[in-house]
Amino acid sequence: MIKIETLKVKLFADGADKASMLEMAKKPFIKGFTTNPTLMKKAGVTDYEAFAKEILAEIPDRPISLEVFADDFADMEKQAKKISGWAKNVYVKIPVMNTRRMPSWELARRLSQAGVKINVTALLTLSQVRRVAAQVAGGAPCQISVFAGRIADTGVDPVPLMAAAVKALKSAPNAELIWASPRELLNVFQAEAVGCHIITATYDILNKLSLVGKDLEEYSWETVRMFYNDARAAGFKME
């Protein structure tokens, strides 16, 4: 089993709870952070700009992705340039399309060529990866987030697609591939095996890192004890 300290894939924390983000920032193996409007809403964020600037002030040394929330491309571009100006470690998340299913290829190209670090997000197909790579090649540092977990949710193994995506990004050496929306800790090691640059995971998944290398016989015994103790605590009886 590969040790966390020797992983080549970079671990990013995904969330918008300030206390959890600051706690994760204390861990040297957390190399960056991602968030989105849905996670912010879930965390109770009501002032987008104030929250973002607080986090950027507290964590100035690692990449942090902050997403636009406009739907019109002109407005997205304005928001992206404003957000980009908040700190040097900001990557601006741009959705791969808008709600009218219009692709954001041209927006990604303009922002990347203008020097804005972007994270093109919500990709689920290899075709999307190739189109984005073609637009950002030669531009500013870029991240491309493929939602491998959502691919898996449809019953499709995301590993072959992610391996192909790694190869597709060789045409855009300024871009890094993110394995986004993982569903289990195993995905970290799958991302490592295919050469993915980054995997972004929720705190629940990252907190399972302590289990890496755990003796499975010991884990089996702990599981049996849990069942036994919970049955006793519930007061189950049988006559």
Protein backbone atom coordinates (compact mmCIF):
# COMPACT_ATOMS: atom_id res chain seq x y z
CA MET A 1 0.00 0.00 0.00
CA ILE A 2 1.32 3.44 -0.95
CA LYS A 3 1.89 5.78 1.97
CA ILE A 4 0.16 9.17 1.98
CA GLU A 5 3.54 10.90 2.32
CA THR A 6 4.77 9.40 -0.95
CA LEU A 7 1.72 10.14 -3.11
CA LYS A 8 2.39 12.11 -6.27
CA VAL A 9 -1.26 13.09 -6.70
CA LYS A 10 -1.97 16.29 -4.77
CA LEU A 11 -4.73 16.17 -2.16
CA PHE A 12 -7.13 19.13 -2.16
CA ALA A 13 -9.87 19.63 0.44
CA ASP A 14 -13.35 20.26 -0.95
CA GLY A 15 -15.79 22.23 1.21
CA ALA A 16 -16.89 25.63 2.45
CA ASP A 17 -16.98 25.29 6.22
CA LYS A 18 -14.45 27.85 7.46
CA ALA A 19 -13.46 25.97 10.63
CA SER A 20 -12.90 22.74 8.69
CA MET A 21 -10.91 24.52 5.99
CA LEU A 22 -8.61 26.09 8.57
CA GLU A 23 -8.18 22.74 10.30
CA MET A 24 -7.26 21.10 6.99
CA ALA A 25 -4.84 23.94 6.27
CA LYS A 26 -2.78 22.78 9.26
CA LYS A 27 -2.09 19.47 7.51
CA PRO A 28 0.99 19.61 5.26
CA PHE A 29 -0.38 16.95 2.90
CA ILE A 30 -3.35 19.17 1.95
CA LYS A 31 -2.01 21.03 -1.08
CA GLY A 32 -5.05 23.15 -1.98
CA PHE A 33 -8.76 23.81 -1.61
CA THR A 34 -11.85 23.81 -3.80
CA THR A 35 -15.36 25.02 -3.14
CA ASN A 36 -18.52 25.90 -5.06
CA PRO A 37 -21.82 27.75 -4.52
CA THR A 38 -23.63 24.57 -3.47
CA LEU A 39 -21.07 23.84 -0.75
CA MET A 40 -21.20 27.48 0.37
CA LYS A 41 -24.98 27.35 0.63
CA LYS A 42 -24.77 24.13 2.62
CA ALA A 43 -22.24 25.73 4.99
CA GLY A 44 -24.54 28.72 5.56
CA VAL A 45 -22.44 31.29 3.70
CA THR A 46 -24.54 34.37 2.90
CA ASP A 47 -21.89 36.92 1.90
CA TYR A 48 -19.84 35.34 -0.90
CA GLU A 49 -17.17 38.02 -1.17
CA ALA A 50 -16.65 38.41 2.58
CA PHE A 51 -16.32 34.65 3.06
CA ALA A 52 -13.90 34.29 0.15
CA LYS A 53 -11.66 37.12 1.32
CA GLU A 54 -11.57 35.76 4.88
CA ILE A 55 -10.45 32.36 3.64
CA LEU A 56 -7.88 33.84 1.28
CA ALA A 57 -6.42 35.93 4.11
CA GLU A 58 -6.17 32.85 6.34
CA ILE A 59 -4.79 30.51 3.64
CA PRO A 60 -2.52 32.54 1.36
CA ASP A 61 -0.06 29.81 0.44
CA ARG A 62 -2.11 27.19 -1.43
CA PRO A 63 -4.44 27.24 -4.46
CA ILE A 64 -8.09 27.96 -3.64
CA SER A 65 -10.84 27.59 -6.24
CA LEU A 66 -13.79 29.99 -6.07
CA GLU A 67 -16.62 29.67 -8.57
CA VAL A 68 -18.49 32.28 -10.57
CA PHE A 69 -22.26 32.17 -10.16
CA ALA A 70 -23.48 34.12 -13.19
CA ASP A 71 -25.08 32.29 -16.12
CA ASP A 72 -24.40 34.78 -18.90
CA PHE A 73 -20.86 34.49 -20.26
CA ALA A 74 -20.24 38.25 -20.22
CA ASP A 75 -21.21 38.38 -16.56
CA MET A 76 -19.15 35.26 -15.84
CA GLU A 77 -16.13 36.99 -17.34
CA LYS A 78 -16.63 40.08 -15.19
CA GLN A 79 -17.01 37.98 -12.05
CA ALA A 80 -13.98 35.86 -12.95
CA LYS A 81 -11.72 38.88 -13.35
CA LYS A 82 -12.95 40.38 -10.09
CA ILE A 83 -12.49 37.14 -8.14
CA SER A 84 -9.06 36.61 -9.69
CA GLY A 85 -7.97 39.98 -8.30
CA TRP A 86 -8.66 39.01 -4.69
CA ALA A 87 -5.44 37.01 -4.25
CA LYS A 88 -2.60 35.43 -6.21
CA ASN A 89 -3.55 31.90 -5.13
CA VAL A 90 -7.10 32.09 -6.55
CA TYR A 91 -8.26 29.77 -9.30
CA VAL A 92 -11.61 30.90 -10.70
CA LYS A 93 -14.04 28.07 -11.34
CA ILE A 94 -15.84 28.30 -14.67
CA PRO A 95 -18.59 25.76 -15.45
CA VAL A 96 -18.06 23.79 -18.64
CA MET A 97 -21.41 25.10 -19.89
CA ASN A 98 -24.18 27.41 -18.73
CA THR A 99 -27.76 26.44 -17.84
CA ARG A 100 -28.76 26.85 -21.51
CA ARG A 101 -26.21 24.12 -22.37
CA MET A 102 -23.99 26.60 -24.23
CA PRO A 103 -20.35 25.48 -23.87
CA SER A 104 -17.89 27.86 -22.23
CA TRP A 105 -14.93 27.04 -24.49
CA GLU A 106 -14.49 30.59 -25.74
CA LEU A 107 -14.76 32.07 -22.23
CA ALA A 108 -12.11 29.65 -20.98
CA ARG A 109 -9.83 30.67 -23.85
CA ARG A 110 -10.24 34.41 -23.24
CA LEU A 111 -9.66 34.17 -19.50
CA SER A 112 -6.70 31.83 -19.83
CA GLN A 113 -5.03 33.99 -22.46
CA ALA A 114 -5.68 37.05 -20.27
CA GLY A 115 -3.66 35.48 -17.48
CA VAL A 116 -6.55 34.43 -15.25
CA LYS A 117 -5.95 31.11 -13.50
CA ILE A 118 -9.12 29.09 -14.03
CA ASN A 119 -10.59 25.79 -12.92
CA VAL A 120 -12.98 24.56 -15.60
CA THR A 121 -15.49 22.45 -13.71
CA ALA A 122 -18.30 19.91 -14.04
CA LEU A 123 -16.76 17.97 -16.94
CA LEU A 124 -17.94 14.37 -17.38
CA THR A 125 -16.74 13.37 -20.86
CA LEU A 126 -13.41 12.93 -22.58
CA SER A 127 -14.64 15.11 -25.42
CA GLN A 128 -15.12 17.99 -22.96
CA VAL A 129 -11.60 17.49 -21.62
CA ARG A 130 -10.12 17.67 -25.11
CA ARG A 131 -12.10 20.80 -26.02
CA VAL A 132 -11.07 22.62 -22.85
CA ALA A 133 -7.42 21.56 -23.24
CA ALA A 134 -7.36 23.00 -26.75
CA GLN A 135 -8.67 26.34 -25.49
CA VAL A 136 -6.36 26.81 -22.51
CA ALA A 137 -3.12 25.45 -24.00
CA GLY A 138 -0.37 28.02 -23.70
CA GLY A 139 -2.35 30.19 -21.31
CA ALA A 140 -2.26 30.76 -17.57
CA PRO A 141 -2.00 27.84 -15.12
CA CYS A 142 -5.28 25.94 -15.30
CA GLN A 143 -7.13 23.13 -13.57
CA ILE A 144 -9.69 20.88 -15.25
CA SER A 145 -12.16 19.18 -12.92
CA VAL A 146 -13.66 15.91 -14.14
CA PHE A 147 -16.40 14.69 -11.82
CA ALA A 148 -15.28 11.08 -11.70
CA GLY A 149 -17.61 10.35 -8.78
CA ARG A 150 -20.65 11.38 -10.77
CA ILE A 151 -19.49 9.20 -13.65
CA ALA A 152 -19.30 6.28 -11.21
CA ASP A 153 -22.79 7.12 -9.93
CA THR A 154 -24.14 6.24 -13.39
CA GLY A 155 -22.62 2.75 -13.19
CA VAL A 156 -19.64 3.58 -15.40
CA ASP A 157 -16.07 2.94 -14.26
CA PRO A 158 -14.35 6.37 -14.39
CA VAL A 159 -10.80 5.00 -14.29
CA PRO A 160 -10.34 4.47 -18.07
CA LEU A 161 -11.73 7.92 -18.82
CA MET A 162 -9.46 9.57 -16.24
CA ALA A 163 -6.43 7.73 -17.64
CA ALA A 164 -7.33 8.97 -21.13
CA ALA A 165 -7.85 12.49 -19.77
CA VAL A 166 -4.32 12.50 -18.33
CA LYS A 167 -2.99 11.71 -21.81
CA ALA A 168 -5.25 14.33 -23.42
CA LEU A 169 -3.78 17.05 -21.20
CA LYS A 170 -0.28 16.44 -22.50
CA SER A 171 -1.25 18.91 -25.23
CA ALA A 172 -1.78 21.56 -22.51
CA PRO A 173 1.13 21.29 -20.06
CA ASN A 174 -0.14 24.36 -18.20
CA ALA A 175 -3.27 22.40 -17.19
CA GLU A 176 -3.69 19.95 -14.32
CA LEU A 177 -6.37 17.27 -14.16
CA ILE A 178 -8.53 17.12 -11.02
CA TRP A 179 -10.30 13.90 -10.03
CA ALA A 180 -13.38 15.58 -8.58
CA SER A 181 -16.28 14.29 -6.47
CA PRO A 182 -14.62 11.08 -5.24
CA ARG A 183 -16.89 8.68 -3.40
CA GLU A 184 -14.37 6.74 -1.31
CA LEU A 185 -10.76 6.81 -0.17
CA LEU A 186 -9.86 4.15 -2.75
CA ASN A 187 -10.32 6.85 -5.41
CA VAL A 188 -7.18 8.60 -4.10
CA PHE A 189 -5.10 5.56 -5.03
CA GLN A 190 -6.90 5.14 -8.34
CA ALA A 191 -6.11 8.76 -9.17
CA GLU A 192 -2.48 8.12 -8.23
CA ALA A 193 -2.31 5.02 -10.44
CA VAL A 194 -3.51 6.80 -13.61
CA GLY A 195 -1.23 9.81 -13.08
CA CYS A 196 -3.93 12.32 -12.17
CA HIS A 197 -2.41 15.58 -10.92
CA ILE A 198 -4.94 16.42 -8.20
CA ILE A 199 -7.81 14.80 -6.33
CA THR A 200 -10.20 16.98 -4.36
CA ALA A 201 -12.14 15.30 -1.57
CA THR A 202 -14.58 16.18 1.16
CA TYR A 203 -13.50 16.28 4.80
CA ASP A 204 -15.31 12.98 5.48
CA ILE A 205 -13.13 11.19 2.93
CA LEU A 206 -9.93 12.96 3.95
CA ASN A 207 -10.55 12.04 7.57
CA LYS A 208 -10.33 8.37 6.55
CA LEU A 209 -6.67 8.78 5.65
CA SER A 210 -5.80 7.48 9.10
CA LEU A 211 -7.11 4.08 7.96
CA VAL A 212 -4.50 3.72 5.23
CA GLY A 213 -2.38 0.65 5.96
CA LYS A 214 -4.60 -0.49 8.82
CA ASP A 215 -4.42 -4.19 9.68
CA LEU A 216 -7.60 -5.74 8.27
CA GLU A 217 -7.84 -8.46 10.91
CA GLU A 218 -7.77 -5.72 13.55
CA TYR A 219 -10.37 -3.74 11.61
CA SER A 220 -12.58 -6.84 11.40
CA TRP A 221 -12.42 -7.27 15.19
CA GLU A 222 -13.24 -3.58 15.74
CA THR A 223 -16.27 -3.92 13.48
CA VAL A 224 -17.55 -6.96 15.40
CA ARG A 225 -17.09 -5.07 18.68
CA MET A 226 -19.05 -2.14 17.28
CA PHE A 227 -22.02 -4.36 16.39
CA TYR A 228 -21.92 -6.06 19.79
CA ASN A 229 -21.66 -2.83 21.78
CA ASP A 230 -24.40 -1.11 19.78
CA ALA A 231 -26.74 -4.08 20.32
CA ARG A 232 -26.13 -3.85 24.06
CA ALA A 233 -26.57 -0.07 24.09
CA ALA A 234 -29.88 -0.45 22.26
CA GLY A 235 -31.06 -2.89 24.92
CA PHE A 236 -31.90 -5.64 22.44
CA LYS A 237 -33.20 -8.81 24.10
CA MET A 238 -34.55 -12.13 22.93
CA GLU A 239 -36.60 -14.57 25.04
